[in-house]
Amino acid sequence: MDFEVTRDTRNELLARREVDFTLRFDGPTPSRLQVIGKLSAGLNVKDTLLVLDSMKTTFGKTELSGKARVYDSPEQKEKVERTFLFARGMPKPKEEGS
């Protein structure tokens, strides 16, 4: 997997970076966790400060385009970001007795 940042802007009002990217991959489409890991390594930020907003693939191509936001602090992230985006793509906890 290799990615390219197509747009990187700073939003001072919300204390975050807004990043558009293109990711090229081999095989099946990577999961949201894999994309977050690759972005956090490539942008040199902690994955707890990164929120993956959208990922879009095109039929027949092995690339996806997406949008992500990198916050300055976890407090700012929790204050600004929608809560359902935190849990999206995370593994579900296993129930006991199943």
N, C-alpha and C. Protein backbone atom coordinates (compact mmCIF):
# COMPACT_ATOMS: atom_id res chain seq x y z
N MET A 1 0.85 -1.18 0.00
CA MET A 1 0.00 0.00 0.00
C MET A 1 0.89 1.24 0.00
N ASP A 2 0.58 2.16 -0.86
CA ASP A 2 1.27 3.44 -0.79
C ASP A 2 0.24 4.54 -1.01
N PHE A 3 0.41 5.63 -0.31
CA PHE A 3 -0.57 6.70 -0.40
C PHE A 3 0.08 8.02 -0.78
N GLU A 4 -0.76 8.89 -1.32
CA GLU A 4 -0.32 10.21 -1.75
C GLU A 4 -1.31 11.23 -1.21
N VAL A 5 -0.81 12.26 -0.57
CA VAL A 5 -1.65 13.34 -0.06
C VAL A 5 -1.93 14.29 -1.22
N THR A 6 -3.22 14.47 -1.53
CA THR A 6 -3.58 15.35 -2.63
C THR A 6 -3.90 16.76 -2.16
N ARG A 7 -4.31 16.90 -0.89
CA ARG A 7 -4.60 18.23 -0.34
C ARG A 7 -4.38 18.17 1.16
N ASP A 8 -3.68 19.14 1.69
CA ASP A 8 -3.41 19.21 3.13
C ASP A 8 -3.58 20.66 3.55
N THR A 9 -4.68 20.96 4.25
CA THR A 9 -4.93 22.33 4.68
C THR A 9 -5.05 22.39 6.19
N ARG A 10 -4.79 23.53 6.72
CA ARG A 10 -4.86 23.75 8.17
C ARG A 10 -6.12 24.55 8.48
N ASN A 11 -6.92 24.08 9.44
CA ASN A 11 -8.12 24.77 9.89
C ASN A 11 -7.85 25.25 11.32
N GLU A 12 -7.44 26.48 11.46
CA GLU A 12 -7.08 27.04 12.77
C GLU A 12 -8.28 27.16 13.70
N LEU A 13 -9.44 27.44 13.15
CA LEU A 13 -10.62 27.62 13.96
C LEU A 13 -10.98 26.34 14.74
N LEU A 14 -10.82 25.19 14.11
CA LEU A 14 -11.14 23.91 14.74
C LEU A 14 -9.89 23.16 15.22
N ALA A 15 -8.72 23.76 15.11
CA ALA A 15 -7.45 23.19 15.56
C ALA A 15 -7.21 21.81 14.96
N ARG A 16 -7.22 21.75 13.61
CA ARG A 16 -7.02 20.47 12.94
C ARG A 16 -6.44 20.68 11.55
N ARG A 17 -5.90 19.58 11.01
CA ARG A 17 -5.48 19.50 9.61
C ARG A 17 -6.53 18.70 8.86
N GLU A 18 -6.86 19.13 7.66
CA GLU A 18 -7.80 18.41 6.82
C GLU A 18 -7.03 17.86 5.63
N VAL A 19 -7.05 16.54 5.47
CA VAL A 19 -6.21 15.87 4.50
C VAL A 19 -7.07 15.08 3.52
N ASP A 20 -6.85 15.28 2.23
CA ASP A 20 -7.42 14.43 1.18
C ASP A 20 -6.28 13.56 0.67
N PHE A 21 -6.56 12.28 0.39
CA PHE A 21 -5.50 11.38 0.00
C PHE A 21 -5.99 10.37 -1.03
N THR A 22 -5.03 9.75 -1.71
CA THR A 22 -5.27 8.64 -2.63
C THR A 22 -4.38 7.49 -2.17
N LEU A 23 -4.98 6.31 -2.05
CA LEU A 23 -4.26 5.13 -1.57
C LEU A 23 -4.31 4.05 -2.63
N ARG A 24 -3.16 3.53 -3.02
CA ARG A 24 -3.08 2.43 -3.98
C ARG A 24 -2.76 1.16 -3.22
N PHE A 25 -3.44 0.07 -3.56
CA PHE A 25 -3.28 -1.18 -2.83
C PHE A 25 -3.33 -2.36 -3.78
N ASP A 26 -2.87 -3.51 -3.31
CA ASP A 26 -2.96 -4.76 -4.05
C ASP A 26 -3.90 -5.68 -3.30
N GLY A 27 -4.70 -6.45 -4.03
CA GLY A 27 -5.62 -7.38 -3.38
C GLY A 27 -6.91 -6.69 -2.96
N PRO A 28 -7.51 -7.19 -1.88
CA PRO A 28 -8.81 -6.63 -1.44
C PRO A 28 -8.66 -5.23 -0.86
N THR A 29 -9.77 -4.52 -0.81
CA THR A 29 -9.78 -3.18 -0.24
C THR A 29 -9.37 -3.24 1.23
N PRO A 30 -8.43 -2.42 1.66
CA PRO A 30 -8.00 -2.44 3.06
C PRO A 30 -9.11 -1.95 3.99
N SER A 31 -9.07 -2.44 5.22
CA SER A 31 -10.07 -2.04 6.21
C SER A 31 -9.77 -0.62 6.69
N ARG A 32 -10.74 -0.05 7.40
CA ARG A 32 -10.56 1.31 7.93
C ARG A 32 -9.39 1.35 8.92
N LEU A 33 -9.22 0.29 9.72
CA LEU A 33 -8.11 0.24 10.67
C LEU A 33 -6.76 0.24 9.95
N GLN A 34 -6.65 -0.50 8.85
CA GLN A 34 -5.42 -0.53 8.09
C GLN A 34 -5.12 0.83 7.47
N VAL A 35 -6.15 1.50 6.97
CA VAL A 35 -5.97 2.82 6.36
C VAL A 35 -5.55 3.84 7.43
N ILE A 36 -6.17 3.78 8.60
CA ILE A 36 -5.80 4.70 9.68
C ILE A 36 -4.35 4.46 10.09
N GLY A 37 -3.94 3.21 10.19
CA GLY A 37 -2.55 2.90 10.54
C GLY A 37 -1.57 3.43 9.51
N LYS A 38 -1.88 3.25 8.23
CA LYS A 38 -1.00 3.72 7.16
C LYS A 38 -0.93 5.26 7.14
N LEU A 39 -2.07 5.92 7.31
CA LEU A 39 -2.09 7.38 7.32
C LEU A 39 -1.33 7.95 8.51
N SER A 40 -1.54 7.37 9.69
CA SER A 40 -0.86 7.90 10.87
C SER A 40 0.65 7.71 10.76
N ALA A 41 1.09 6.61 10.15
CA ALA A 41 2.52 6.41 9.95
C ALA A 41 3.07 7.39 8.90
N GLY A 42 2.33 7.58 7.82
CA GLY A 42 2.79 8.46 6.76
C GLY A 42 2.77 9.93 7.12
N LEU A 43 1.79 10.34 7.93
CA LEU A 43 1.68 11.74 8.34
C LEU A 43 2.43 12.02 9.63
N ASN A 44 2.98 10.95 10.27
CA ASN A 44 3.75 11.06 11.49
C ASN A 44 2.93 11.67 12.64
N VAL A 45 1.72 11.12 12.84
CA VAL A 45 0.84 11.53 13.93
C VAL A 45 0.33 10.28 14.65
N LYS A 46 -0.16 10.48 15.86
CA LYS A 46 -0.74 9.36 16.60
C LYS A 46 -2.09 9.00 15.99
N ASP A 47 -2.39 7.70 15.96
CA ASP A 47 -3.66 7.28 15.36
C ASP A 47 -4.86 7.68 16.21
N THR A 48 -4.64 8.04 17.47
CA THR A 48 -5.75 8.49 18.32
C THR A 48 -6.19 9.91 17.97
N LEU A 49 -5.35 10.66 17.26
CA LEU A 49 -5.69 12.02 16.86
C LEU A 49 -6.27 12.10 15.46
N LEU A 50 -6.30 10.97 14.75
CA LEU A 50 -6.74 10.94 13.36
C LEU A 50 -8.16 10.39 13.26
N VAL A 51 -9.00 11.04 12.47
CA VAL A 51 -10.36 10.59 12.21
C VAL A 51 -10.50 10.39 10.71
N LEU A 52 -10.84 9.17 10.30
CA LEU A 52 -11.05 8.87 8.89
C LEU A 52 -12.50 9.14 8.56
N ASP A 53 -12.72 10.14 7.71
CA ASP A 53 -14.08 10.56 7.40
C ASP A 53 -14.70 9.69 6.32
N SER A 54 -14.05 9.57 5.17
CA SER A 54 -14.64 8.80 4.08
C SER A 54 -13.58 8.08 3.27
N MET A 55 -13.99 6.97 2.67
CA MET A 55 -13.16 6.21 1.75
C MET A 55 -14.04 5.83 0.57
N LYS A 56 -13.58 6.10 -0.63
CA LYS A 56 -14.36 5.78 -1.81
C LYS A 56 -13.48 5.04 -2.81
N THR A 57 -13.99 3.91 -3.30
CA THR A 57 -13.28 3.15 -4.30
C THR A 57 -14.02 3.23 -5.62
N THR A 58 -13.29 2.98 -6.70
CA THR A 58 -13.88 2.95 -8.03
C THR A 58 -13.83 1.51 -8.52
N PHE A 59 -14.90 1.04 -9.12
CA PHE A 59 -14.98 -0.32 -9.59
C PHE A 59 -13.87 -0.61 -10.59
N GLY A 60 -13.15 -1.70 -10.37
CA GLY A 60 -12.12 -2.11 -11.30
C GLY A 60 -10.75 -1.51 -11.04
N LYS A 61 -10.63 -0.59 -10.10
CA LYS A 61 -9.34 0.03 -9.80
C LYS A 61 -8.88 -0.41 -8.42
N THR A 62 -7.60 -0.48 -8.25
CA THR A 62 -7.05 -0.82 -6.94
C THR A 62 -6.53 0.44 -6.26
N GLU A 63 -7.38 1.44 -6.17
CA GLU A 63 -7.05 2.66 -5.45
C GLU A 63 -8.32 3.23 -4.84
N LEU A 64 -8.13 3.95 -3.77
CA LEU A 64 -9.27 4.61 -3.14
C LEU A 64 -8.88 6.03 -2.82
N SER A 65 -9.89 6.88 -2.74
CA SER A 65 -9.66 8.26 -2.33
C SER A 65 -10.43 8.48 -1.04
N GLY A 66 -9.90 9.32 -0.20
CA GLY A 66 -10.54 9.52 1.09
C GLY A 66 -10.21 10.86 1.70
N LYS A 67 -10.88 11.11 2.83
CA LYS A 67 -10.67 12.34 3.59
C LYS A 67 -10.43 11.97 5.04
N ALA A 68 -9.52 12.68 5.66
CA ALA A 68 -9.21 12.46 7.07
C ALA A 68 -8.95 13.80 7.74
N ARG A 69 -9.05 13.78 9.06
CA ARG A 69 -8.78 14.98 9.84
C ARG A 69 -7.83 14.62 10.98
N VAL A 70 -6.84 15.46 11.21
CA VAL A 70 -5.86 15.25 12.27
C VAL A 70 -6.00 16.40 13.26
N TYR A 71 -6.34 16.07 14.50
CA TYR A 71 -6.56 17.09 15.53
C TYR A 71 -5.30 17.33 16.34
N ASP A 72 -5.22 18.51 16.95
CA ASP A 72 -4.07 18.87 17.77
C ASP A 72 -4.07 18.15 19.11
N SER A 73 -5.26 17.86 19.66
CA SER A 73 -5.36 17.20 20.96
C SER A 73 -6.59 16.30 21.01
N PRO A 74 -6.57 15.28 21.86
CA PRO A 74 -7.75 14.41 21.99
C PRO A 74 -8.98 15.16 22.51
N GLU A 75 -8.77 16.17 23.34
CA GLU A 75 -9.90 16.95 23.85
C GLU A 75 -10.61 17.69 22.72
N GLN A 76 -9.83 18.28 21.83
CA GLN A 76 -10.41 19.00 20.70
C GLN A 76 -11.14 18.03 19.77
N LYS A 77 -10.58 16.84 19.60
CA LYS A 77 -11.22 15.83 18.75
C LYS A 77 -12.58 15.44 19.31
N GLU A 78 -12.67 15.20 20.60
CA GLU A 78 -13.94 14.80 21.23
C GLU A 78 -14.94 15.94 21.23
N LYS A 79 -14.45 17.17 21.31
CA LYS A 79 -15.33 18.32 21.34
C LYS A 79 -15.97 18.61 19.98
N VAL A 80 -15.22 18.39 18.92
CA VAL A 80 -15.66 18.79 17.58
C VAL A 80 -16.28 17.64 16.79
N GLU A 81 -15.68 16.47 16.86
CA GLU A 81 -16.03 15.37 15.96
C GLU A 81 -17.31 14.65 16.36
N ARG A 82 -18.01 14.12 15.35
CA ARG A 82 -19.23 13.34 15.59
C ARG A 82 -18.86 12.00 16.21
N THR A 83 -19.62 11.57 17.19
CA THR A 83 -19.24 10.40 17.99
C THR A 83 -19.29 9.09 17.20
N PHE A 84 -20.16 8.96 16.21
CA PHE A 84 -20.25 7.70 15.50
C PHE A 84 -18.99 7.42 14.67
N LEU A 85 -18.23 8.44 14.34
CA LEU A 85 -17.00 8.23 13.58
C LEU A 85 -15.90 7.59 14.42
N PHE A 86 -15.97 7.71 15.75
CA PHE A 86 -14.97 7.08 16.62
C PHE A 86 -15.09 5.56 16.55
N ALA A 87 -16.32 5.05 16.54
CA ALA A 87 -16.54 3.61 16.58
C ALA A 87 -16.55 2.96 15.21
N ARG A 88 -16.65 3.73 14.15
CA ARG A 88 -16.75 3.17 12.80
C ARG A 88 -15.45 2.47 12.44
N GLY A 89 -15.58 1.20 12.07
CA GLY A 89 -14.43 0.43 11.64
C GLY A 89 -13.67 -0.24 12.75
N MET A 90 -14.02 0.03 14.00
CA MET A 90 -13.34 -0.61 15.11
C MET A 90 -13.92 -2.01 15.32
N PRO A 91 -13.08 -2.95 15.77
CA PRO A 91 -13.62 -4.30 16.02
C PRO A 91 -14.63 -4.29 17.15
N LYS A 92 -15.67 -5.09 16.98
CA LYS A 92 -16.71 -5.15 18.01
C LYS A 92 -16.23 -6.02 19.17
N PRO A 93 -16.55 -5.62 20.40
CA PRO A 93 -16.13 -6.44 21.54
C PRO A 93 -16.88 -7.77 21.54
N LYS A 94 -16.15 -8.84 21.90
CA LYS A 94 -16.77 -10.16 21.92
C LYS A 94 -17.60 -10.30 23.18
N GLU A 95 -18.78 -10.89 23.00
CA GLU A 95 -19.67 -11.10 24.14
C GLU A 95 -19.24 -12.35 24.90
N GLU A 96 -19.37 -12.29 26.21
CA GLU A 96 -19.03 -13.45 27.02
C GLU A 96 -20.10 -14.50 26.89
N GLY A 97 -19.68 -15.77 26.87
CA GLY A 97 -20.63 -16.87 26.79
C GLY A 97 -20.99 -17.23 25.35
N SER A 98 -20.40 -16.56 24.37
CA SER A 98 -20.69 -16.89 22.97
C SER A 98 -19.58 -17.66 22.36
